[in-house]
Amino acid sequence: LLLLPFRAGAHLHTLPNLGRNDQVYAEYLATRHHSLPGQVFFLKDSSFHYGGHDLKKYERSAVQMAQELRTRGFSCGRAPPHCGPAGNGSQWHERAVVEAFVLRNYKEKHTQRLREGAPVNATFKSPTQSIGAWLASVLSQPTYSELHAREVWPVCYGGSFAARREQILRVSAADWAALAKSLSRADNLEEG
């Protein structure tokens, strides 16, 4: 980070390594909720440094993301993988399938827990059983009800995405703060 040139008006905020990129994204949305720019890009620095080179073909440029953002209100940093019976993919997933998702196993390729001074990660496994149960336990009842009423949800893979301010503001600052707090339980966690 120190090698990057700083623009006038840029601010560097350092946060503890808790919850990884997901916690940082939620923290940003909670603390900047009333002063967000018109478009917000969240770009994970290691999206293509793991998982094999086959994921590189799904990468979208910032220009492609911006074009899609203008028309849809959100955009993913990766095109959806071509999975499914017809060989096509979609960013849209059935809500019930996403809510029921449970990560059955996980191979930890690296950990920040072993660095001196790093937070101790008591457990990778979430205290809740599914993504839906976790969201229901963290979000306010009105936000979760509105989300639960949708038949399909957009899902981005790889940790990079963009959204317009009006889409982000549909979720309260308190809910973003609750997500950030929940995601700060460890440096590497199932929910993230």
Protein backbone atom coordinates (compact mmCIF):
# COMPACT_ATOMS: atom_id res chain seq x y z
CA LEU A 1 0.00 0.00 0.00
CA LEU A 2 2.76 2.42 0.76
CA LEU A 3 4.02 2.16 -2.82
CA LEU A 4 0.76 3.45 -4.28
CA PRO A 5 0.59 7.16 -5.09
CA PHE A 6 -1.94 9.03 -2.98
CA ARG A 7 -4.46 11.34 -4.62
CA ALA A 8 -5.50 14.63 -3.07
CA GLY A 9 -8.31 13.98 -0.61
CA ALA A 10 -7.52 10.25 -0.28
CA HIS A 11 -7.58 8.78 3.21
CA LEU A 12 -5.82 5.60 4.30
CA HIS A 13 -7.58 3.70 7.08
CA THR A 14 -5.92 0.68 8.62
CA LEU A 15 -8.15 -1.89 10.28
CA PRO A 16 -7.23 -5.03 12.23
CA ASN A 17 -7.22 -8.20 10.14
CA LEU A 18 -10.58 -9.56 11.30
CA GLY A 19 -13.13 -11.11 8.99
CA ARG A 20 -10.93 -10.47 5.97
CA ASN A 21 -12.27 -8.47 3.04
CA ASP A 22 -15.94 -9.07 3.88
CA GLN A 23 -15.63 -7.45 7.31
CA VAL A 24 -13.76 -4.47 5.84
CA TYR A 25 -16.45 -4.00 3.15
CA ALA A 26 -19.25 -4.05 5.76
CA GLU A 27 -17.31 -1.72 8.07
CA TYR A 28 -16.83 0.76 5.22
CA LEU A 29 -20.54 0.68 4.35
CA ALA A 30 -21.52 1.16 8.00
CA THR A 31 -19.16 4.06 8.71
CA ARG A 32 -19.54 5.83 5.35
CA HIS A 33 -23.25 5.09 4.90
CA HIS A 34 -24.29 8.76 4.64
CA SER A 35 -21.30 9.89 2.57
CA LEU A 36 -20.91 7.15 -0.04
CA PRO A 37 -19.91 8.04 -3.59
CA GLY A 38 -22.38 7.30 -6.39
CA GLN A 39 -20.59 4.05 -7.26
CA VAL A 40 -18.55 1.88 -4.92
CA PHE A 41 -16.08 -0.75 -6.14
CA PHE A 42 -14.85 -3.43 -3.75
CA LEU A 43 -11.79 -5.15 -5.19
CA LYS A 44 -10.14 -8.08 -3.43
CA ASP A 45 -6.39 -8.00 -3.99
CA SER A 46 -5.92 -11.77 -4.09
CA SER A 47 -8.90 -12.89 -6.17
CA PHE A 48 -6.76 -14.61 -8.79
CA HIS A 49 -3.73 -15.65 -6.74
CA TYR A 50 -5.38 -18.87 -5.63
CA GLY A 51 -7.73 -21.51 -6.92
CA GLY A 52 -5.91 -22.26 -10.15
CA HIS A 53 -5.54 -20.39 -13.39
CA ASP A 54 -8.90 -21.57 -14.71
CA LEU A 55 -10.63 -18.76 -12.76
CA LYS A 56 -8.70 -16.09 -14.67
CA LYS A 57 -10.97 -16.55 -17.70
CA TYR A 58 -13.94 -15.28 -15.68
CA GLU A 59 -12.24 -12.03 -14.64
CA ARG A 60 -13.99 -8.79 -15.60
CA SER A 61 -12.15 -5.53 -16.10
CA ALA A 62 -13.10 -2.41 -14.15
CA VAL A 63 -14.52 -1.00 -17.41
CA GLN A 64 -16.75 -4.07 -17.87
CA MET A 65 -17.86 -3.83 -14.26
CA ALA A 66 -18.66 -0.11 -14.64
CA GLN A 67 -20.73 -0.74 -17.78
CA GLU A 68 -22.79 -3.39 -16.05
CA LEU A 69 -23.08 -1.27 -12.91
CA ARG A 70 -24.72 1.55 -14.87
CA THR A 71 -27.47 -0.70 -16.20
CA ARG A 72 -28.03 -3.15 -13.31
CA GLY A 73 -27.07 -1.32 -10.15
CA PHE A 74 -24.43 -3.91 -9.26
CA SER A 75 -21.67 -5.87 -10.95
CA CYS A 76 -19.41 -8.77 -10.09
CA GLY A 77 -15.64 -8.88 -10.62
CA ARG A 78 -16.00 -12.35 -12.11
CA ALA A 79 -18.41 -13.55 -14.72
CA PRO A 80 -20.44 -16.45 -13.32
CA PRO A 81 -18.83 -19.81 -14.01
CA HIS A 82 -20.43 -21.84 -16.78
CA CYS A 83 -22.05 -24.42 -14.60
CA GLY A 84 -25.39 -26.09 -14.82
CA PRO A 85 -26.97 -28.47 -17.29
CA ALA A 86 -26.96 -26.03 -20.21
CA GLY A 87 -23.35 -24.97 -19.59
CA ASN A 88 -24.35 -21.43 -18.74
CA GLY A 89 -24.00 -19.56 -15.47
CA SER A 90 -25.91 -16.81 -13.77
CA GLN A 91 -25.22 -14.30 -11.03
CA TRP A 92 -28.79 -14.92 -9.89
CA HIS A 93 -29.32 -17.83 -7.53
CA GLU A 94 -32.50 -19.19 -5.96
CA ARG A 95 -32.87 -17.67 -2.50
CA ALA A 96 -33.77 -20.98 -0.87
CA VAL A 97 -30.61 -22.62 -2.24
CA VAL A 98 -28.36 -19.77 -1.06
CA GLU A 99 -30.02 -19.64 2.38
CA ALA A 100 -29.54 -23.40 2.86
CA PHE A 101 -25.86 -23.32 1.84
CA VAL A 102 -23.46 -24.85 4.36
CA LEU A 103 -19.74 -25.18 3.72
CA ARG A 104 -19.14 -28.90 4.30
CA ASN A 105 -15.34 -28.79 4.26
CA TYR A 106 -12.58 -26.25 3.85
CA LYS A 107 -8.86 -26.61 3.20
CA GLU A 108 -6.98 -23.74 4.74
CA LYS A 109 -4.11 -23.03 2.34
CA HIS A 110 -2.69 -20.27 4.47
CA THR A 111 -3.47 -18.55 7.73
CA GLN A 112 -2.70 -15.22 9.26
CA ARG A 113 -3.26 -16.73 12.71
CA LEU A 114 0.33 -17.89 12.87
CA ARG A 115 1.83 -14.41 12.58
CA GLU A 116 2.98 -12.84 15.80
CA GLY A 117 0.29 -10.54 17.16
CA ALA A 118 -2.42 -11.88 14.82
CA PRO A 119 -5.83 -12.50 16.40
CA VAL A 120 -6.44 -16.07 17.46
CA ASN A 121 -9.05 -17.75 15.32
CA ALA A 122 -10.88 -20.03 17.74
CA THR A 123 -12.75 -21.79 14.98
CA PHE A 124 -13.34 -21.43 11.26
CA LYS A 125 -16.81 -23.00 11.57
CA SER A 126 -19.72 -20.60 11.96
CA PRO A 127 -21.86 -20.80 15.10
CA THR A 128 -24.90 -20.82 12.78
CA GLN A 129 -25.66 -23.73 10.47
CA SER A 130 -26.33 -21.99 7.13
CA ILE A 131 -25.98 -18.66 5.35
CA GLY A 132 -29.71 -18.05 5.84
CA ALA A 133 -29.51 -18.75 9.59
CA TRP A 134 -26.51 -16.44 9.89
CA LEU A 135 -28.25 -13.60 8.01
CA ALA A 136 -31.42 -14.05 10.10
CA SER A 137 -29.34 -13.86 13.29
CA VAL A 138 -27.44 -10.73 12.25
CA LEU A 139 -29.79 -8.52 10.19
CA SER A 140 -32.71 -6.56 11.59
CA GLN A 141 -36.08 -8.19 11.14
CA PRO A 142 -37.28 -5.68 8.48
CA THR A 143 -34.10 -6.04 6.41
CA TYR A 144 -34.07 -9.82 6.62
CA SER A 145 -37.79 -10.01 5.78
CA GLU A 146 -37.32 -7.84 2.69
CA LEU A 147 -34.33 -9.94 1.60
CA HIS A 148 -36.13 -13.21 2.34
CA ALA A 149 -39.13 -12.12 0.22
CA ARG A 150 -36.98 -12.12 -2.94
CA GLU A 151 -37.04 -15.34 -4.94
CA VAL A 152 -33.55 -14.84 -6.39
CA TRP A 153 -30.41 -13.20 -5.00
CA PRO A 154 -27.36 -11.91 -6.88
CA VAL A 155 -24.20 -13.80 -5.92
CA CYS A 156 -20.66 -12.70 -6.79
CA TYR A 157 -17.72 -15.10 -6.64
CA GLY A 158 -14.14 -14.11 -5.87
CA GLY A 159 -14.66 -11.19 -3.49
CA SER A 160 -14.79 -8.29 -6.00
CA PHE A 161 -17.99 -6.44 -6.86
CA ALA A 162 -19.45 -2.97 -7.36
CA ALA A 163 -22.75 -1.37 -6.40
CA ARG A 164 -24.50 1.96 -6.81
CA ARG A 165 -25.13 4.06 -3.71
CA GLU A 166 -28.93 3.70 -3.92
CA GLN A 167 -28.59 -0.10 -3.84
CA ILE A 168 -26.32 0.05 -0.78
CA LEU A 169 -28.62 2.47 1.06
CA ARG A 170 -31.46 -0.06 0.89
CA VAL A 171 -29.70 -1.64 3.88
CA SER A 172 -29.40 0.50 7.02
CA ALA A 173 -26.08 1.59 8.51
CA ALA A 174 -27.04 -0.39 11.63
CA ASP A 175 -27.39 -3.59 9.59
CA TRP A 176 -24.03 -3.01 7.86
CA ALA A 177 -22.49 -2.45 11.33
CA ALA A 178 -24.08 -5.67 12.61
CA LEU A 179 -22.63 -7.57 9.65
CA ALA A 180 -19.20 -6.03 10.27
CA LYS A 181 -19.35 -6.96 13.95
CA SER A 182 -20.40 -10.54 13.19
CA LEU A 183 -17.63 -10.86 10.59
CA SER A 184 -15.00 -9.66 13.06
CA ARG A 185 -15.12 -12.80 15.22
CA ALA A 186 -11.97 -14.20 13.54
CA ASP A 187 -9.43 -13.54 10.78
CA ASN A 188 -10.58 -16.52 8.69
CA LEU A 189 -14.19 -17.56 9.05
CA GLU A 190 -16.88 -19.53 7.28
CA GLU A 191 -19.29 -16.59 7.02
CA GLY A 192 -16.76 -14.49 5.11
